Structure formats: structure tokens, C-alpha cells
C-alpha atoms as a PDB file:
ATOM      1  CA  UNK A   1     119.197 106.325  84.408  1.00  0.00           C
ATOM      2  CA  UNK A   2     117.624 103.489  86.551  1.00  0.00           C
ATOM      3  CA  UNK A   3     113.856 103.427  86.929  1.00  0.00           C
ATOM      4  CA  UNK A   4     112.520 103.601  90.284  1.00  0.00           C
ATOM      5  CA  UNK A   5     108.930 102.385  91.433  1.00  0.00           C
ATOM      6  CA  UNK A   6     108.033 104.890  93.338  1.00  0.00           C
ATOM      7  CA  UNK A   7     106.725 108.300  92.322  1.00  0.00           C
ATOM      8  CA  UNK A   8     106.047 111.988  93.986  1.00  0.00           C
ATOM      9  CA  UNK A   9     103.282 112.292  96.695  1.00  0.00           C
ATOM     10  CA  UNK A  10     103.186 107.951  97.108  1.00  0.00           C
ATOM     11  CA  UNK A  11     102.650 107.023 100.442  1.00  0.00           C
ATOM     12  CA  UNK A  12     105.543 104.449 101.470  1.00  0.00           C
ATOM     13  CA  UNK A  13     107.297 102.663 104.476  1.00  0.00           C
ATOM     14  CA  UNK A  14     111.509 102.426 105.226  1.00  0.00           C
ATOM     15  CA  UNK A  15     111.666  98.904 105.574  1.00  0.00           C
ATOM     16  CA  UNK A  16     115.838  99.308 106.764  1.00  0.00           C
ATOM     17  CA  UNK A  17     117.668 101.878 108.490  1.00  0.00           C
ATOM     18  CA  UNK A  18     117.435 104.147 111.341  1.00  0.00           C
ATOM     19  CA  UNK A  19     114.098 105.273 110.240  1.00  0.00           C
ATOM     20  CA  UNK A  20     112.999 101.477 109.696  1.00  0.00           C
ATOM     21  CA  UNK A  21     108.836 101.061 110.043  1.00  0.00           C
ATOM     22  CA  UNK A  22     108.122 104.636 109.600  1.00  0.00           C
ATOM     23  CA  UNK A  23     105.406 105.352 106.781  1.00  0.00           C
ATOM     24  CA  UNK A  24     105.154 108.833 105.301  1.00  0.00           C
ATOM     25  CA  UNK A  25     104.530 110.394 101.751  1.00  0.00           C
ATOM     26  CA  UNK A  26     106.559 111.116  99.360  1.00  0.00           C
ATOM     27  CA  UNK A  27     107.918 114.743  98.709  1.00  0.00           C
ATOM     28  CA  UNK A  28     110.459 114.982  95.564  1.00  0.00           C
ATOM     29  CA  UNK A  29     112.419 111.421  93.802  1.00  0.00           C
ATOM     30  CA  UNK A  30     115.305 111.928  92.298  1.00  0.00           C
ATOM     31  CA  UNK A  31     115.953 108.536  89.637  1.00  0.00           C
ATOM     32  CA  UNK A  32     119.780 110.281  88.316  1.00  0.00           C
ATOM     33  CA  UNK A  33     120.143 109.186  92.157  1.00  0.00           C
ATOM     34  CA  UNK A  34     117.908 106.685  92.823  1.00  0.00           C
ATOM     35  CA  UNK A  35     116.469 108.224  96.350  1.00  0.00           C
ATOM     36  CA  UNK A  36     113.821 109.818  97.350  1.00  0.00           C
ATOM     37  CA  UNK A  37     112.502 112.440  99.750  1.00  0.00           C
ATOM     38  CA  UNK A  38     109.923 111.754 102.677  1.00  0.00           C
ATOM     39  CA  UNK A  39     107.903 113.699 104.884  1.00  0.00           C
ATOM     40  CA  UNK A  40     109.398 113.575 108.433  1.00  0.00           C
ATOM     41  CA  UNK A  41     111.530 110.723 107.639  1.00  0.00           C
ATOM     42  CA  UNK A  42     115.721 110.512 107.706  1.00  0.00           C
ATOM     43  CA  UNK A  43     115.516 114.119 109.641  1.00  0.00           C
ATOM     44  CA  UNK A  44     119.325 115.405 109.444  1.00  0.00           C
ATOM     45  CA  UNK A  45     120.531 118.865 111.148  1.00  0.00           C
ATOM     46  CA  UNK A  46     121.889 121.383 108.960  1.00  0.00           C
ATOM     47  CA  UNK A  47     123.862 124.190 109.675  1.00  0.00           C
ATOM     48  CA  UNK A  48     122.606 127.413 108.034  1.00  0.00           C
ATOM     49  CA  UNK A  49     124.814 130.493 107.513  1.00  0.00           C
ATOM     50  CA  UNK A  50     122.278 133.712 107.840  1.00  0.00           C
ATOM     51  CA  UNK A  51     121.000 135.161 104.687  1.00  0.00           C
ATOM     52  CA  UNK A  52     118.457 137.191 103.360  1.00  0.00           C
ATOM     53  CA  UNK A  53     115.659 134.566 103.687  1.00  0.00           C
ATOM     54  CA  UNK A  54     117.263 133.373 107.095  1.00  0.00           C
ATOM     55  CA  UNK A  55     118.810 136.482 108.540  1.00  0.00           C
ATOM     56  CA  UNK A  56     119.345 134.552 111.942  1.00  0.00           C
ATOM     57  CA  UNK A  57     120.495 131.169 110.565  1.00  0.00           C
ATOM     58  CA  UNK A  58     121.624 128.354 113.332  1.00  0.00           C
ATOM     59  CA  UNK A  59     120.768 124.719 112.883  1.00  0.00           C
ATOM     60  CA  UNK A  60     117.429 123.580 110.844  1.00  0.00           C
ATOM     61  CA  UNK A  61     116.102 120.198 110.750  1.00  0.00           C
ATOM     62  CA  UNK A  62     116.042 118.468 107.590  1.00  0.00           C
ATOM     63  CA  UNK A  63     114.956 115.769 105.470  1.00  0.00           C
ATOM     64  CA  UNK A  64     117.672 114.198 103.421  1.00  0.00           C
ATOM     65  CA  UNK A  65     117.147 111.745 100.633  1.00  0.00           C
ATOM     66  CA  UNK A  66     117.305 107.987 101.211  1.00  0.00           C
ATOM     67  CA  UNK A  67     118.064 105.143  99.030  1.00  0.00           C
ATOM     68  CA  UNK A  68     114.667 103.396  96.752  1.00  0.00           C
ATOM     69  CA  UNK A  69     115.577 100.268  97.831  1.00  0.00           C
ATOM     70  CA  UNK A  70     115.322 101.021 101.325  1.00  0.00           C
ATOM     71  CA  UNK A  71     111.390 102.160 101.100  1.00  0.00           C
ATOM     72  CA  UNK A  72     108.740 100.375  99.976  1.00  0.00           C
ATOM     73  CA  UNK A  73     105.141 101.454  98.532  1.00  0.00           C
ATOM     74  CA  UNK A  74     102.102 101.250 101.685  1.00  0.00           C
ATOM     75  CA  UNK A  75      98.695 100.124 100.342  1.00  0.00           C
ATOM     76  CA  UNK A  76      96.300 101.711 102.520  1.00  0.00           C
ATOM     77  CA  UNK A  77      93.779  99.435 102.350  1.00  0.00           C
ATOM     78  CA  UNK A  78      95.444  96.591 103.737  1.00  0.00           C
ATOM     79  CA  UNK A  79      97.760  98.451 105.773  1.00  0.00           C
ATOM     80  CA  UNK A  80     101.225  96.610 104.691  1.00  0.00           C
ATOM     81  CA  UNK A  81     104.179  97.442 102.300  1.00  0.00           C
ATOM     82  CA  UNK A  82     103.532  95.787  99.186  1.00  0.00           C
ATOM     83  CA  UNK A  83     105.300  95.140  95.796  1.00  0.00           C
ATOM     84  CA  UNK A  84     103.653  96.323  92.712  1.00  0.00           C
ATOM     85  CA  UNK A  85     102.281  95.237  89.831  1.00  0.00           C
ATOM     86  CA  UNK A  86     100.873  96.419  86.353  1.00  0.00           C
ATOM     87  CA  UNK A  87      97.192  96.041  85.028  1.00  0.00           C
ATOM     88  CA  UNK A  88      95.826  97.379  81.993  1.00  0.00           C
ATOM     89  CA  UNK A  89      92.376  98.529  81.846  1.00  0.00           C
ATOM     90  CA  UNK A  90      89.662  98.379  78.996  1.00  0.00           C
ATOM     91  CA  UNK A  91      89.964 101.941  78.329  1.00  0.00           C
ATOM     92  CA  UNK A  92      93.828 101.175  77.416  1.00  0.00           C
ATOM     93  CA  UNK A  93      95.414 103.132  80.752  1.00  0.00           C
ATOM     94  CA  UNK A  94      98.191 101.376  82.568  1.00  0.00           C
ATOM     95  CA  UNK A  95      97.397 101.787  86.143  1.00  0.00           C
ATOM     96  CA  UNK A  96      99.703 100.119  89.397  1.00  0.00           C
ATOM     97  CA  UNK A  97      97.955  97.489  91.572  1.00  0.00           C
ATOM     98  CA  UNK A  98      98.737  95.647  95.150  1.00  0.00           C
ATOM     99  CA  UNK A  99      99.771  92.658  94.756  1.00  0.00           C
ATOM    100  CA  UNK A 100      98.273  91.722  97.884  1.00  0.00           C
ATOM    101  CA  UNK A 101      94.883  93.463  97.918  1.00  0.00           C
ATOM    102  CA  UNK A 102      94.625  94.454  94.341  1.00  0.00           C
ATOM    103  CA  UNK A 103      93.812  98.105  95.439  1.00  0.00           C
ATOM    104  CA  UNK A 104      94.955 100.145  92.729  1.00  0.00           C
ATOM    105  CA  UNK A 105      97.241 103.266  93.209  1.00  0.00           C
END
């Protein structure tokens, strides 16, 4: 299982593909596939059969997972995509830090 640099509820920016430049919040992370699900990014149309939850069925727009190599963490302080470094605080906890401005995530 690959280690993923993105976590749930992180703010990320897409750096390549059809949704390049879009910023969104991570809804789910799938480390086995190295993919993430981002809100309002990579929207696909799913053909849904009628079932008990959706009696009518039809076409449903939903997010599709995209590869973690296509996203970078978005720093809200410096308003750019950034790499992450790790820092140990005085009390021994590890935190993720923006490499450009030093803001903690």
C-alpha cells in the first residue's frame, strides 16, 4: 500500500488534467489505489438504475477519484500549491508545514 501525502478535509489544487487549476476539499482518500475524491472536481455522469433510494433513476453527476500525483496541497495563507515538510513541535507532536511560508496544516 502506497503512502499518500494528502489527508481527508485537506484543501488541494489539481496540477494536471482536464480540471487543472481547480481547488477543492478532499472528501475521501484511497491509499490502495493512490487516488483521492475531491469535492466538485472530476465530475462524471453515472447512469443509475431505479432502486429503493432513487425510484426514478436516470443520469447522476458525481465526483470520480483522481490520482494523488495530480494534486498538491493548497496553502490558504500564501494562496499557492505547495510541498509539505514535517516538523516536530516542543511537545513531541509531528505537524505538516508549508515549505513556502511555514504555515502548519
